[in-house]
């Protein structure tokens, strides 16, 4: 589409002089139109009108396919591409396509390394404004999104949406290798590394690699000695939350994991898995000296000490 009018500051192009003049207010900082509710200012009257719908809740544009409504026409146009699968904006580096120009610009920062948004507390930089805003909740402690079922609160709306699937049982994301389903895309991406063997997170101390960032963080506490999780009954501390949960069952007497063969119950899943080898006969741990096999790694380590003792005699 022909865009013959160019901004002499940033060289962005426009179809008509009116759009160019509105854009130039970005550079001149001339914003003569003020919202009478929140005092936010705008370079043109139409932008103020669209903004005021934030306060009125007006959403006059409706999708004729799914009836979703929007506060301005441009958002409706972008949304309709979901239904017709139109992705007209293409990255000239990797050819990845997007439904709208703003998402393309955000993506292009992956290639340019541009991180124009900076946190004024810790100076951490971000590729887009929404990530900066979410990050700032770390400093403010703000968790504005609350679950209506269990009252758990979250700093990110997306985290709340993923959490709510715990209550609904919804698993929208499916692995195309094994058909296992997941509540969120992040969990699916982490799981797929089981199949690909990818371990992109590396410990800077011992170079051990991990499939996800949280496992690396837990591992690093081996080196730092950090035990941030504390039992409120006996004050015993733990390096990760799951170990604390398992420990709390010592006090509660809870044994939620049951063997399907003999019905014996266990406090944690790992103990159940070790026990099940009694029935399956599985011995996954092998001695590198004599090839004797064991059902538990602890028994293998005890056995290996025998070789060490005999070698020293």
C-alpha atoms as a PDB file:
ATOM      1  CA  UNK A   1       0.000   0.000   0.000  1.00  0.00           C
ATOM      2  CA  UNK A   2       1.360   3.407  -1.036  1.00  0.00           C
ATOM      3  CA  UNK A   3       2.552   5.583   1.880  1.00  0.00           C
ATOM      4  CA  UNK A   4       4.006   8.691   0.189  1.00  0.00           C
ATOM      5  CA  UNK A   5       4.226  10.974   3.236  1.00  0.00           C
ATOM      6  CA  UNK A   6       7.347  10.573   5.382  1.00  0.00           C
ATOM      7  CA  UNK A   7       8.238  11.953   8.827  1.00  0.00           C
ATOM      8  CA  UNK A   8      11.470  13.937   8.529  1.00  0.00           C
ATOM      9  CA  UNK A   9      12.492  12.942  12.083  1.00  0.00           C
ATOM     10  CA  UNK A  10      12.062   9.158  12.176  1.00  0.00           C
ATOM     11  CA  UNK A  11      11.195   8.473   8.514  1.00  0.00           C
ATOM     12  CA  UNK A  12       7.983   6.560   9.331  1.00  0.00           C
ATOM     13  CA  UNK A  13       5.628   6.766   6.333  1.00  0.00           C
ATOM     14  CA  UNK A  14       1.906   7.552   6.135  1.00  0.00           C
ATOM     15  CA  UNK A  15      -0.909   7.371   3.591  1.00  0.00           C
ATOM     16  CA  UNK A  16      -2.089  10.977   4.096  1.00  0.00           C
ATOM     17  CA  UNK A  17      -0.919  14.319   5.495  1.00  0.00           C
ATOM     18  CA  UNK A  18      -3.451  14.209   8.355  1.00  0.00           C
ATOM     19  CA  UNK A  19      -1.940  11.011   9.766  1.00  0.00           C
ATOM     20  CA  UNK A  20       1.545  12.463   9.346  1.00  0.00           C
ATOM     21  CA  UNK A  21       0.601  15.619  11.301  1.00  0.00           C
ATOM     22  CA  UNK A  22      -0.888  13.565  14.125  1.00  0.00           C
ATOM     23  CA  UNK A  23       2.296  11.443  14.261  1.00  0.00           C
ATOM     24  CA  UNK A  24       4.586  14.482  14.366  1.00  0.00           C
ATOM     25  CA  UNK A  25       3.116  15.425  17.749  1.00  0.00           C
ATOM     26  CA  UNK A  26       5.177  12.512  19.123  1.00  0.00           C
ATOM     27  CA  UNK A  27       8.355  14.434  18.290  1.00  0.00           C
ATOM     28  CA  UNK A  28       7.157  17.965  19.097  1.00  0.00           C
ATOM     29  CA  UNK A  29       5.616  16.867  22.438  1.00  0.00           C
ATOM     30  CA  UNK A  30       2.647  19.045  21.534  1.00  0.00           C
ATOM     31  CA  UNK A  31      -0.350  17.405  23.232  1.00  0.00           C
ATOM     32  CA  UNK A  32      -3.104  20.023  23.414  1.00  0.00           C
ATOM     33  CA  UNK A  33      -6.044  17.675  24.137  1.00  0.00           C
ATOM     34  CA  UNK A  34      -6.531  16.686  27.794  1.00  0.00           C
ATOM     35  CA  UNK A  35      -8.735  13.962  29.315  1.00  0.00           C
ATOM     36  CA  UNK A  36     -11.000  15.591  31.908  1.00  0.00           C
ATOM     37  CA  UNK A  37     -10.988  12.414  34.045  1.00  0.00           C
ATOM     38  CA  UNK A  38      -7.277  11.552  34.426  1.00  0.00           C
ATOM     39  CA  UNK A  39      -5.598  14.598  32.816  1.00  0.00           C
ATOM     40  CA  UNK A  40      -3.696  12.468  30.302  1.00  0.00           C
ATOM     41  CA  UNK A  41      -2.878  14.543  27.205  1.00  0.00           C
ATOM     42  CA  UNK A  42      -3.046  13.677  23.511  1.00  0.00           C
ATOM     43  CA  UNK A  43      -1.780  15.073  20.214  1.00  0.00           C
ATOM     44  CA  UNK A  44      -5.188  14.904  18.542  1.00  0.00           C
ATOM     45  CA  UNK A  45      -8.864  14.909  19.437  1.00  0.00           C
ATOM     46  CA  UNK A  46      -9.639  11.451  18.069  1.00  0.00           C
ATOM     47  CA  UNK A  47      -6.955   9.809  20.265  1.00  0.00           C
ATOM     48  CA  UNK A  48      -8.478  11.483  23.312  1.00  0.00           C
ATOM     49  CA  UNK A  49     -11.914  10.202  22.296  1.00  0.00           C
ATOM     50  CA  UNK A  50     -10.644   6.634  22.011  1.00  0.00           C
ATOM     51  CA  UNK A  51      -8.833   6.950  25.365  1.00  0.00           C
ATOM     52  CA  UNK A  52     -11.988   8.149  27.152  1.00  0.00           C
ATOM     53  CA  UNK A  53     -13.542   4.761  26.510  1.00  0.00           C
ATOM     54  CA  UNK A  54     -11.160   3.434  29.190  1.00  0.00           C
ATOM     55  CA  UNK A  55     -13.226   5.433  31.694  1.00  0.00           C
ATOM     56  CA  UNK A  56     -16.681   4.923  30.127  1.00  0.00           C
ATOM     57  CA  UNK A  57     -16.205   1.223  29.337  1.00  0.00           C
ATOM     58  CA  UNK A  58     -17.599   1.848  25.861  1.00  0.00           C
ATOM     59  CA  UNK A  59     -16.657  -0.821  23.290  1.00  0.00           C
ATOM     60  CA  UNK A  60     -18.566   0.129  20.136  1.00  0.00           C
ATOM     61  CA  UNK A  61     -16.802  -2.220  17.693  1.00  0.00           C
ATOM     62  CA  UNK A  62     -17.930  -5.840  17.642  1.00  0.00           C
ATOM     63  CA  UNK A  63     -16.508  -8.899  15.839  1.00  0.00           C
ATOM     64  CA  UNK A  64     -19.223 -10.478  13.672  1.00  0.00           C
ATOM     65  CA  UNK A  65     -17.666 -13.928  14.113  1.00  0.00           C
ATOM     66  CA  UNK A  66     -17.233 -14.275  17.893  1.00  0.00           C
ATOM     67  CA  UNK A  67     -18.977 -11.102  19.172  1.00  0.00           C
ATOM     68  CA  UNK A  68     -15.890  -9.924  21.046  1.00  0.00           C
ATOM     69  CA  UNK A  69     -16.002  -6.139  21.458  1.00  0.00           C
ATOM     70  CA  UNK A  70     -13.312  -3.461  21.193  1.00  0.00           C
ATOM     71  CA  UNK A  71     -12.881   0.159  22.149  1.00  0.00           C
ATOM     72  CA  UNK A  72     -11.550   1.203  18.753  1.00  0.00           C
ATOM     73  CA  UNK A  73     -11.784   0.082  15.150  1.00  0.00           C
ATOM     74  CA  UNK A  74      -8.093  -0.709  14.657  1.00  0.00           C
ATOM     75  CA  UNK A  75      -8.129  -3.309  17.450  1.00  0.00           C
ATOM     76  CA  UNK A  76     -11.149  -4.967  15.855  1.00  0.00           C
ATOM     77  CA  UNK A  77      -9.332  -5.107  12.497  1.00  0.00           C
ATOM     78  CA  UNK A  78      -6.279  -6.757  14.075  1.00  0.00           C
ATOM     79  CA  UNK A  79      -8.485  -9.209  16.004  1.00  0.00           C
ATOM     80  CA  UNK A  80     -10.354 -10.322  12.866  1.00  0.00           C
ATOM     81  CA  UNK A  81      -7.075 -11.697  11.517  1.00  0.00           C
ATOM     82  CA  UNK A  82      -7.389 -14.415  14.188  1.00  0.00           C
ATOM     83  CA  UNK A  83     -10.355 -15.816  12.281  1.00  0.00           C
ATOM     84  CA  UNK A  84      -8.987 -15.485   8.738  1.00  0.00           C
ATOM     85  CA  UNK A  85      -5.411 -16.395   9.792  1.00  0.00           C
ATOM     86  CA  UNK A  86      -4.087 -13.284   8.056  1.00  0.00           C
ATOM     87  CA  UNK A  87      -0.538 -12.352   9.118  1.00  0.00           C
ATOM     88  CA  UNK A  88       0.478  -9.477   6.836  1.00  0.00           C
ATOM     89  CA  UNK A  89       3.492  -8.210   8.793  1.00  0.00           C
ATOM     90  CA  UNK A  90       6.697 -10.120   8.061  1.00  0.00           C
ATOM     91  CA  UNK A  91      10.144  -9.910   9.688  1.00  0.00           C
ATOM     92  CA  UNK A  92      12.792  -9.239   7.029  1.00  0.00           C
ATOM     93  CA  UNK A  93      15.419 -11.140   9.054  1.00  0.00           C
ATOM     94  CA  UNK A  94      13.740 -14.472   9.863  1.00  0.00           C
ATOM     95  CA  UNK A  95      10.473 -14.217   7.860  1.00  0.00           C
ATOM     96  CA  UNK A  96       8.327 -14.802  10.941  1.00  0.00           C
ATOM     97  CA  UNK A  97       4.880 -13.267  10.401  1.00  0.00           C
ATOM     98  CA  UNK A  98       2.565 -11.283  12.673  1.00  0.00           C
ATOM     99  CA  UNK A  99      -1.001 -10.051  12.611  1.00  0.00           C
ATOM    100  CA  UNK A 100      -0.090  -6.434  13.396  1.00  0.00           C
ATOM    101  CA  UNK A 101       2.809  -4.009  13.097  1.00  0.00           C
ATOM    102  CA  UNK A 102       3.271  -3.494  16.849  1.00  0.00           C
ATOM    103  CA  UNK A 103       3.967  -7.198  17.426  1.00  0.00           C
ATOM    104  CA  UNK A 104       6.383  -7.218  14.483  1.00  0.00           C
ATOM    105  CA  UNK A 105       8.284  -4.214  15.924  1.00  0.00           C
ATOM    106  CA  UNK A 106       8.472  -5.933  19.304  1.00  0.00           C
ATOM    107  CA  UNK A 107       9.801  -9.103  17.676  1.00  0.00           C
ATOM    108  CA  UNK A 108      12.442  -7.232  15.651  1.00  0.00           C
ATOM    109  CA  UNK A 109      14.101  -6.210  18.924  1.00  0.00           C
ATOM    110  CA  UNK A 110      15.121  -9.875  19.279  1.00  0.00           C
ATOM    111  CA  UNK A 111      17.400  -9.339  16.272  1.00  0.00           C
ATOM    112  CA  UNK A 112      18.520  -5.780  17.024  1.00  0.00           C
ATOM    113  CA  UNK A 113      19.035  -6.320  20.769  1.00  0.00           C
ATOM    114  CA  UNK A 114      17.146  -3.089  21.395  1.00  0.00           C
ATOM    115  CA  UNK A 115      15.740  -2.881  24.944  1.00  0.00           C
ATOM    116  CA  UNK A 116      14.267   0.628  25.144  1.00  0.00           C
ATOM    117  CA  UNK A 117      12.357   0.270  28.427  1.00  0.00           C
ATOM    118  CA  UNK A 118      14.357   0.674  31.669  1.00  0.00           C
ATOM    119  CA  UNK A 119      13.298   0.035  35.274  1.00  0.00           C
ATOM    120  CA  UNK A 120      13.997   3.190  37.296  1.00  0.00           C
ATOM    121  CA  UNK A 121      14.678   1.112  40.424  1.00  0.00           C
ATOM    122  CA  UNK A 122      17.219  -1.493  39.287  1.00  0.00           C
ATOM    123  CA  UNK A 123      18.013  -0.326  35.721  1.00  0.00           C
ATOM    124  CA  UNK A 124      17.022  -3.679  34.216  1.00  0.00           C
ATOM    125  CA  UNK A 125      15.993  -3.206  30.577  1.00  0.00           C
ATOM    126  CA  UNK A 126      13.158  -4.744  28.575  1.00  0.00           C
ATOM    127  CA  UNK A 127      12.129  -5.134  24.952  1.00  0.00           C
ATOM    128  CA  UNK A 128       8.521  -4.057  25.538  1.00  0.00           C
ATOM    129  CA  UNK A 129       6.576  -1.902  27.975  1.00  0.00           C
ATOM    130  CA  UNK A 130       4.295  -4.658  29.263  1.00  0.00           C
ATOM    131  CA  UNK A 131       7.291  -6.678  30.497  1.00  0.00           C
ATOM    132  CA  UNK A 132       8.645  -3.617  32.287  1.00  0.00           C
ATOM    133  CA  UNK A 133       5.294  -3.042  34.008  1.00  0.00           C
ATOM    134  CA  UNK A 134       5.122  -6.678  35.131  1.00  0.00           C
ATOM    135  CA  UNK A 135       8.704  -6.492  36.387  1.00  0.00           C
ATOM    136  CA  UNK A 136       7.973  -3.394  38.465  1.00  0.00           C
ATOM    137  CA  UNK A 137       5.570  -5.456  40.587  1.00  0.00           C
ATOM    138  CA  UNK A 138       8.696  -7.111  42.051  1.00  0.00           C
ATOM    139  CA  UNK A 139       9.707  -3.784  43.596  1.00  0.00           C
ATOM    140  CA  UNK A 140       6.231  -2.635  44.622  1.00  0.00           C
ATOM    141  CA  UNK A 141       5.074  -6.048  45.863  1.00  0.00           C
ATOM    142  CA  UNK A 142       1.838  -5.427  43.972  1.00  0.00           C
ATOM    143  CA  UNK A 143      -0.222  -8.504  43.071  1.00  0.00           C
ATOM    144  CA  UNK A 144      -3.330  -7.015  41.482  1.00  0.00           C
ATOM    145  CA  UNK A 145      -4.792 -10.227  40.040  1.00  0.00           C
ATOM    146  CA  UNK A 146      -6.756 -12.444  42.449  1.00  0.00           C
ATOM    147  CA  UNK A 147      -8.270 -15.904  41.909  1.00  0.00           C
ATOM    148  CA  UNK A 148     -12.003 -15.857  42.660  1.00  0.00           C
ATOM    149  CA  UNK A 149     -11.937 -19.509  43.785  1.00  0.00           C
ATOM    150  CA  UNK A 150      -9.007 -19.765  46.225  1.00  0.00           C
ATOM    151  CA  UNK A 151      -8.026 -16.081  46.642  1.00  0.00           C
ATOM    152  CA  UNK A 152      -4.434 -16.718  45.542  1.00  0.00           C
ATOM    153  CA  UNK A 153      -2.953 -13.516  44.113  1.00  0.00           C
ATOM    154  CA  UNK A 154      -0.630 -12.904  41.173  1.00  0.00           C
ATOM    155  CA  UNK A 155       1.455 -10.061  39.802  1.00  0.00           C
ATOM    156  CA  UNK A 156       0.653 -11.050  36.180  1.00  0.00           C
ATOM    157  CA  UNK A 157      -2.744 -11.534  34.570  1.00  0.00           C
ATOM    158  CA  UNK A 158      -1.382 -14.386  32.456  1.00  0.00           C
ATOM    159  CA  UNK A 159      -0.194 -16.213  35.603  1.00  0.00           C
ATOM    160  CA  UNK A 160      -3.714 -15.922  37.047  1.00  0.00           C
ATOM    161  CA  UNK A 161      -5.233 -17.316  33.842  1.00  0.00           C
ATOM    162  CA  UNK A 162      -2.866 -20.307  33.888  1.00  0.00           C
ATOM    163  CA  UNK A 163      -3.571 -20.857  37.615  1.00  0.00           C
ATOM    164  CA  UNK A 164      -7.352 -20.854  37.095  1.00  0.00           C
ATOM    165  CA  UNK A 165      -6.972 -23.962  34.959  1.00  0.00           C
ATOM    166  CA  UNK A 166      -6.120 -25.807  38.207  1.00  0.00           C
ATOM    167  CA  UNK A 167      -9.770 -25.295  39.172  1.00  0.00           C
ATOM    168  CA  UNK A 168     -11.313 -25.838  35.721  1.00  0.00           C
ATOM    169  CA  UNK A 169      -9.106 -28.803  34.809  1.00  0.00           C
ATOM    170  CA  UNK A 170      -8.421 -27.201  31.431  1.00  0.00           C
ATOM    171  CA  UNK A 171      -5.263 -28.372  29.660  1.00  0.00           C
ATOM    172  CA  UNK A 172      -5.193 -26.415  26.403  1.00  0.00           C
ATOM    173  CA  UNK A 173      -1.652 -27.270  25.281  1.00  0.00           C
ATOM    174  CA  UNK A 174      -0.766 -30.713  23.966  1.00  0.00           C
ATOM    175  CA  UNK A 175       2.615 -32.300  23.200  1.00  0.00           C
ATOM    176  CA  UNK A 176       2.675 -33.611  19.616  1.00  0.00           C
ATOM    177  CA  UNK A 177       5.195 -36.304  20.606  1.00  0.00           C
ATOM    178  CA  UNK A 178       3.399 -38.030  23.506  1.00  0.00           C
ATOM    179  CA  UNK A 179       0.011 -36.225  23.669  1.00  0.00           C
ATOM    180  CA  UNK A 180       0.557 -35.175  27.268  1.00  0.00           C
ATOM    181  CA  UNK A 181      -1.427 -32.002  27.995  1.00  0.00           C
ATOM    182  CA  UNK A 182      -0.520 -28.891  29.978  1.00  0.00           C
ATOM    183  CA  UNK A 183      -2.212 -25.851  31.507  1.00  0.00           C
ATOM    184  CA  UNK A 184       0.154 -23.305  29.947  1.00  0.00           C
ATOM    185  CA  UNK A 185       2.486 -22.910  26.969  1.00  0.00           C
ATOM    186  CA  UNK A 186       5.514 -22.483  29.269  1.00  0.00           C
ATOM    187  CA  UNK A 187       4.899 -25.927  30.820  1.00  0.00           C
ATOM    188  CA  UNK A 188       4.543 -27.480  27.357  1.00  0.00           C
ATOM    189  CA  UNK A 189       7.791 -25.862  26.142  1.00  0.00           C
ATOM    190  CA  UNK A 190       9.655 -27.152  29.209  1.00  0.00           C
ATOM    191  CA  UNK A 191       8.193 -30.639  28.762  1.00  0.00           C
ATOM    192  CA  UNK A 192       9.202 -30.842  25.081  1.00  0.00           C
ATOM    193  CA  UNK A 193      12.835 -30.634  26.156  1.00  0.00           C
ATOM    194  CA  UNK A 194      12.361 -34.179  27.516  1.00  0.00           C
ATOM    195  CA  UNK A 195      12.013 -35.282  23.893  1.00  0.00           C
ATOM    196  CA  UNK A 196      14.605 -32.965  22.333  1.00  0.00           C
ATOM    197  CA  UNK A 197      17.192 -33.432  25.089  1.00  0.00           C
ATOM    198  CA  UNK A 198      17.657 -29.664  25.212  1.00  0.00           C
ATOM    199  CA  UNK A 199      19.084 -28.339  28.497  1.00  0.00           C
ATOM    200  CA  UNK A 200      19.599 -24.608  27.879  1.00  0.00           C
ATOM    201  CA  UNK A 201      20.258 -23.502  31.462  1.00  0.00           C
ATOM    202  CA  UNK A 202      23.779 -23.998  32.795  1.00  0.00           C
ATOM    203  CA  UNK A 203      25.153 -23.590  36.337  1.00  0.00           C
ATOM    204  CA  UNK A 204      27.979 -21.030  36.328  1.00  0.00           C
ATOM    205  CA  UNK A 205      29.781 -22.908  39.140  1.00  0.00           C
ATOM    206  CA  UNK A 206      29.795 -26.548  38.036  1.00  0.00           C
ATOM    207  CA  UNK A 207      28.430 -26.341  34.466  1.00  0.00           C
ATOM    208  CA  UNK A 208      25.603 -28.763  35.218  1.00  0.00           C
ATOM    209  CA  UNK A 209      22.749 -28.162  32.754  1.00  0.00           C
ATOM    210  CA  UNK A 210      18.990 -28.057  33.285  1.00  0.00           C
ATOM    211  CA  UNK A 211      15.813 -28.126  31.215  1.00  0.00           C
ATOM    212  CA  UNK A 212      14.233 -25.166  33.016  1.00  0.00           C
ATOM    213  CA  UNK A 213      15.288 -22.074  34.903  1.00  0.00           C
ATOM    214  CA  UNK A 214      13.590 -22.994  38.182  1.00  0.00           C
ATOM    215  CA  UNK A 215      15.574 -26.257  38.444  1.00  0.00           C
ATOM    216  CA  UNK A 216      18.821 -24.357  37.915  1.00  0.00           C
ATOM    217  CA  UNK A 217      17.873 -21.865  40.641  1.00  0.00           C
ATOM    218  CA  UNK A 218      17.174 -24.724  43.061  1.00  0.00           C
ATOM    219  CA  UNK A 219      20.461 -26.402  42.144  1.00  0.00           C
ATOM    220  CA  UNK A 220      22.482 -23.238  42.717  1.00  0.00           C
ATOM    221  CA  UNK A 221      21.492 -23.380  46.387  1.00  0.00           C
ATOM    222  CA  UNK A 222      23.803 -26.429  46.642  1.00  0.00           C
ATOM    223  CA  UNK A 223      26.662 -23.982  46.082  1.00  0.00           C
ATOM    224  CA  UNK A 224      25.271 -21.030  48.056  1.00  0.00           C
ATOM    225  CA  UNK A 225      23.938 -23.080  50.967  1.00  0.00           C
ATOM    226  CA  UNK A 226      20.713 -21.086  50.830  1.00  0.00           C
ATOM    227  CA  UNK A 227      17.675 -22.683  52.537  1.00  0.00           C
ATOM    228  CA  UNK A 228      14.846 -20.154  52.047  1.00  0.00           C
ATOM    229  CA  UNK A 229      11.954 -22.466  53.005  1.00  0.00           C
ATOM    230  CA  UNK A 230      11.331 -23.005  56.719  1.00  0.00           C
ATOM    231  CA  UNK A 231       9.008 -25.388  58.592  1.00  0.00           C
ATOM    232  CA  UNK A 232       6.781 -23.378  60.941  1.00  0.00           C
ATOM    233  CA  UNK A 233       6.520 -26.373  63.310  1.00  0.00           C
ATOM    234  CA  UNK A 234      10.158 -27.318  63.915  1.00  0.00           C
ATOM    235  CA  UNK A 235      12.028 -24.537  62.058  1.00  0.00           C
ATOM    236  CA  UNK A 236      13.909 -26.999  59.852  1.00  0.00           C
ATOM    237  CA  UNK A 237      14.939 -25.288  56.612  1.00  0.00           C
ATOM    238  CA  UNK A 238      14.988 -26.505  53.012  1.00  0.00           C
ATOM    239  CA  UNK A 239      16.474 -25.432  49.723  1.00  0.00           C
ATOM    240  CA  UNK A 240      13.261 -25.968  47.749  1.00  0.00           C
ATOM    241  CA  UNK A 241       9.536 -25.772  48.334  1.00  0.00           C
ATOM    242  CA  UNK A 242       8.749 -29.382  47.393  1.00  0.00           C
ATOM    243  CA  UNK A 243      11.115 -30.711  50.079  1.00  0.00           C
ATOM    244  CA  UNK A 244       9.365 -28.505  52.645  1.00  0.00           C
ATOM    245  CA  UNK A 245       5.959 -29.843  51.552  1.00  0.00           C
ATOM    246  CA  UNK A 246       7.211 -33.427  51.896  1.00  0.00           C
ATOM    247  CA  UNK A 247       8.643 -32.653  55.331  1.00  0.00           C
ATOM    248  CA  UNK A 248       5.397 -31.100  56.605  1.00  0.00           C
ATOM    249  CA  UNK A 249       3.758 -34.496  56.173  1.00  0.00           C
ATOM    250  CA  UNK A 250       6.032 -35.773  58.984  1.00  0.00           C
ATOM    251  CA  UNK A 251       4.052 -33.510  61.303  1.00  0.00           C
ATOM    252  CA  UNK A 252       0.626 -34.031  59.709  1.00  0.00           C
ATOM    253  CA  UNK A 253       0.988 -37.799  59.239  1.00  0.00           C
ATOM    254  CA  UNK A 254      -0.300 -37.448  55.691  1.00  0.00           C
ATOM    255  CA  UNK A 255       0.606 -40.212  53.212  1.00  0.00           C
ATOM    256  CA  UNK A 256      -1.068 -39.136  49.948  1.00  0.00           C
ATOM    257  CA  UNK A 257       0.791 -41.502  47.601  1.00  0.00           C
ATOM    258  CA  UNK A 258      -0.451 -45.092  47.409  1.00  0.00           C
ATOM    259  CA  UNK A 259       1.055 -48.163  45.712  1.00  0.00           C
ATOM    260  CA  UNK A 260      -1.392 -49.638  43.200  1.00  0.00           C
ATOM    261  CA  UNK A 261      -0.144 -53.176  43.911  1.00  0.00           C
ATOM    262  CA  UNK A 262       0.032 -53.501  47.710  1.00  0.00           C
ATOM    263  CA  UNK A 263      -1.700 -50.250  48.786  1.00  0.00           C
ATOM    264  CA  UNK A 264       1.247 -49.193  50.931  1.00  0.00           C
ATOM    265  CA  UNK A 265       1.234 -45.412  51.333  1.00  0.00           C
ATOM    266  CA  UNK A 266       4.055 -42.852  51.240  1.00  0.00           C
ATOM    267  CA  UNK A 267       4.648 -39.235  52.156  1.00  0.00           C
ATOM    268  CA  UNK A 268       6.171 -38.306  48.811  1.00  0.00           C
ATOM    269  CA  UNK A 269       6.143 -39.461  45.211  1.00  0.00           C
ATOM    270  CA  UNK A 270       9.848 -40.274  45.039  1.00  0.00           C
ATOM    271  CA  UNK A 271       9.533 -42.817  47.878  1.00  0.00           C
ATOM    272  CA  UNK A 272       6.564 -44.419  46.119  1.00  0.00           C
ATOM    273  CA  UNK A 273       8.575 -44.751  42.895  1.00  0.00           C
ATOM    274  CA  UNK A 274      11.468 -46.411  44.759  1.00  0.00           C
ATOM    275  CA  UNK A 275       9.029 -48.802  46.456  1.00  0.00           C
ATOM    276  CA  UNK A 276       7.364 -49.773  43.167  1.00  0.00           C
ATOM    277  CA  UNK A 277      10.669 -51.293  42.039  1.00  0.00           C
ATOM    278  CA  UNK A 278      10.033 -54.048  44.620  1.00  0.00           C
ATOM    279  CA  UNK A 279       7.132 -55.161  42.442  1.00  0.00           C
ATOM    280  CA  UNK A 280       8.626 -54.385  39.016  1.00  0.00           C
ATOM    281  CA  UNK A 281      12.079 -55.799  39.771  1.00  0.00           C
ATOM    282  CA  UNK A 282      13.645 -52.712  38.204  1.00  0.00           C
ATOM    283  CA  UNK A 283      17.272 -52.022  39.161  1.00  0.00           C
ATOM    284  CA  UNK A 284      18.193 -48.796  37.324  1.00  0.00           C
ATOM    285  CA  UNK A 285      21.464 -48.117  39.165  1.00  0.00           C
ATOM    286  CA  UNK A 286      24.546 -50.080  38.092  1.00  0.00           C
ATOM    287  CA  UNK A 287      28.023 -50.368  39.634  1.00  0.00           C
ATOM    288  CA  UNK A 288      30.706 -49.328  37.148  1.00  0.00           C
ATOM    289  CA  UNK A 289      33.204 -51.776  38.668  1.00  0.00           C
ATOM    290  CA  UNK A 290      31.332 -55.086  38.923  1.00  0.00           C
ATOM    291  CA  UNK A 291      28.052 -54.310  37.093  1.00  0.00           C
ATOM    292  CA  UNK A 292      25.915 -55.253  40.091  1.00  0.00           C
ATOM    293  CA  UNK A 293      22.566 -53.438  39.910  1.00  0.00           C
ATOM    294  CA  UNK A 294      20.439 -51.742  42.574  1.00  0.00           C
ATOM    295  CA  UNK A 295      16.909 -50.380  42.935  1.00  0.00           C
ATOM    296  CA  UNK A 296      18.061 -47.329  44.948  1.00  0.00           C
ATOM    297  CA  UNK A 297      20.980 -44.981  44.408  1.00  0.00           C
ATOM    298  CA  UNK A 298      21.744 -45.023  48.145  1.00  0.00           C
ATOM    299  CA  UNK A 299      22.364 -48.765  48.043  1.00  0.00           C
ATOM    300  CA  UNK A 300      24.639 -48.343  45.022  1.00  0.00           C
ATOM    301  CA  UNK A 301      26.716 -45.735  46.884  1.00  0.00           C
ATOM    302  CA  UNK A 302      27.066 -48.058  49.938  1.00  0.00           C
ATOM    303  CA  UNK A 303      28.154 -50.870  47.637  1.00  0.00           C
ATOM    304  CA  UNK A 304      30.743 -48.678  45.885  1.00  0.00           C
ATOM    305  CA  UNK A 305      32.390 -47.990  49.229  1.00  0.00           C
ATOM    306  CA  UNK A 306      33.211 -51.706  49.439  1.00  0.00           C
ATOM    307  CA  UNK A 307      35.302 -51.409  46.298  1.00  0.00           C
ATOM    308  CA  UNK A 308      37.001 -48.304  47.704  1.00  0.00           C
ATOM    309  CA  UNK A 309      37.846 -50.163  50.927  1.00  0.00           C
ATOM    310  CA  UNK A 310      39.235 -53.235  49.124  1.00  0.00           C
ATOM    311  CA  UNK A 311      41.266 -51.045  46.758  1.00  0.00           C
ATOM    312  CA  UNK A 312      42.903 -49.341  49.730  1.00  0.00           C
ATOM    313  CA  UNK A 313      43.843 -52.583  51.504  1.00  0.00           C
END
